[in-house]
């Protein structure tokens, strides 16, 4: 099976730079999502509180 590096025709140095760029991009996206969630909570739009919760079965339910 051919690797991405071979398919793109990248040198080892170019491929490592691409991997680093991808890790940074993923980290930025994670930070952006965390910031958006925090902003919703801080602004008082507690949308997460209205999400359905899984029912936990207790001994009384059995």
C-alpha atoms as a PDB file:
ATOM      1  CA  UNK A   1       0.000   0.000   0.000  1.00  0.00           C
ATOM      2  CA  UNK A   2       1.386   3.397  -0.972  1.00  0.00           C
ATOM      3  CA  UNK A   3       1.777   5.990   1.745  1.00  0.00           C
ATOM      4  CA  UNK A   4       0.498   9.541   1.587  1.00  0.00           C
ATOM      5  CA  UNK A   5       4.075  10.763   1.420  1.00  0.00           C
ATOM      6  CA  UNK A   6       4.744   8.683  -1.680  1.00  0.00           C
ATOM      7  CA  UNK A   7       1.428   9.605  -3.301  1.00  0.00           C
ATOM      8  CA  UNK A   8       2.177  13.309  -2.839  1.00  0.00           C
ATOM      9  CA  UNK A   9       5.818  12.915  -3.828  1.00  0.00           C
ATOM     10  CA  UNK A  10       7.104  14.663  -0.696  1.00  0.00           C
ATOM     11  CA  UNK A  11      10.571  14.477   0.776  1.00  0.00           C
ATOM     12  CA  UNK A  12      10.944  13.439   4.424  1.00  0.00           C
ATOM     13  CA  UNK A  13      11.436  17.080   5.427  1.00  0.00           C
ATOM     14  CA  UNK A  14       8.369  18.250   3.495  1.00  0.00           C
ATOM     15  CA  UNK A  15       6.261  15.446   4.946  1.00  0.00           C
ATOM     16  CA  UNK A  16       7.301  16.270   8.529  1.00  0.00           C
ATOM     17  CA  UNK A  17       6.401  19.934   7.927  1.00  0.00           C
ATOM     18  CA  UNK A  18       3.010  18.840   6.585  1.00  0.00           C
ATOM     19  CA  UNK A  19       2.425  16.644   9.651  1.00  0.00           C
ATOM     20  CA  UNK A  20       3.360  19.526  11.969  1.00  0.00           C
ATOM     21  CA  UNK A  21       1.045  21.886  10.081  1.00  0.00           C
ATOM     22  CA  UNK A  22      -1.820  19.381  10.374  1.00  0.00           C
ATOM     23  CA  UNK A  23      -1.265  18.985  14.138  1.00  0.00           C
ATOM     24  CA  UNK A  24      -1.275  22.772  14.587  1.00  0.00           C
ATOM     25  CA  UNK A  25      -4.435  23.092  12.493  1.00  0.00           C
ATOM     26  CA  UNK A  26      -6.208  20.418  14.541  1.00  0.00           C
ATOM     27  CA  UNK A  27      -5.131  22.131  17.783  1.00  0.00           C
ATOM     28  CA  UNK A  28      -6.459  25.475  16.530  1.00  0.00           C
ATOM     29  CA  UNK A  29      -9.799  23.901  15.636  1.00  0.00           C
ATOM     30  CA  UNK A  30     -10.021  22.226  19.056  1.00  0.00           C
ATOM     31  CA  UNK A  31      -9.276  25.551  20.753  1.00  0.00           C
ATOM     32  CA  UNK A  32     -11.901  27.321  18.637  1.00  0.00           C
ATOM     33  CA  UNK A  33     -14.559  24.752  19.565  1.00  0.00           C
ATOM     34  CA  UNK A  34     -13.658  24.944  23.251  1.00  0.00           C
ATOM     35  CA  UNK A  35     -13.848  28.747  23.087  1.00  0.00           C
ATOM     36  CA  UNK A  36     -17.286  28.620  21.453  1.00  0.00           C
ATOM     37  CA  UNK A  37     -18.600  26.253  24.129  1.00  0.00           C
ATOM     38  CA  UNK A  38     -17.148  28.388  26.918  1.00  0.00           C
ATOM     39  CA  UNK A  39     -18.654  31.526  25.371  1.00  0.00           C
ATOM     40  CA  UNK A  40     -22.099  29.932  25.322  1.00  0.00           C
ATOM     41  CA  UNK A  41     -21.820  29.005  28.982  1.00  0.00           C
ATOM     42  CA  UNK A  42     -20.421  32.359  30.094  1.00  0.00           C
ATOM     43  CA  UNK A  43     -23.000  34.346  28.112  1.00  0.00           C
ATOM     44  CA  UNK A  44     -25.821  32.591  29.907  1.00  0.00           C
ATOM     45  CA  UNK A  45     -26.979  30.569  26.922  1.00  0.00           C
ATOM     46  CA  UNK A  46     -26.859  27.293  28.797  1.00  0.00           C
ATOM     47  CA  UNK A  47     -27.839  25.240  25.778  1.00  0.00           C
ATOM     48  CA  UNK A  48     -26.000  22.217  27.102  1.00  0.00           C
ATOM     49  CA  UNK A  49     -28.377  21.996  30.049  1.00  0.00           C
ATOM     50  CA  UNK A  50     -31.281  21.259  27.719  1.00  0.00           C
ATOM     51  CA  UNK A  51     -29.681  18.309  25.977  1.00  0.00           C
ATOM     52  CA  UNK A  52     -31.346  14.993  26.776  1.00  0.00           C
ATOM     53  CA  UNK A  53     -29.517  12.979  29.384  1.00  0.00           C
ATOM     54  CA  UNK A  54     -29.153   9.234  29.437  1.00  0.00           C
ATOM     55  CA  UNK A  55     -31.374   7.574  32.024  1.00  0.00           C
ATOM     56  CA  UNK A  56     -29.405   5.766  34.684  1.00  0.00           C
ATOM     57  CA  UNK A  57     -31.218   2.687  35.905  1.00  0.00           C
ATOM     58  CA  UNK A  58     -31.321   2.343  39.680  1.00  0.00           C
ATOM     59  CA  UNK A  59     -32.316  -0.537  41.951  1.00  0.00           C
ATOM     60  CA  UNK A  60     -35.753   1.093  42.414  1.00  0.00           C
ATOM     61  CA  UNK A  61     -36.399   0.905  38.651  1.00  0.00           C
ATOM     62  CA  UNK A  62     -35.864  -2.858  38.494  1.00  0.00           C
END
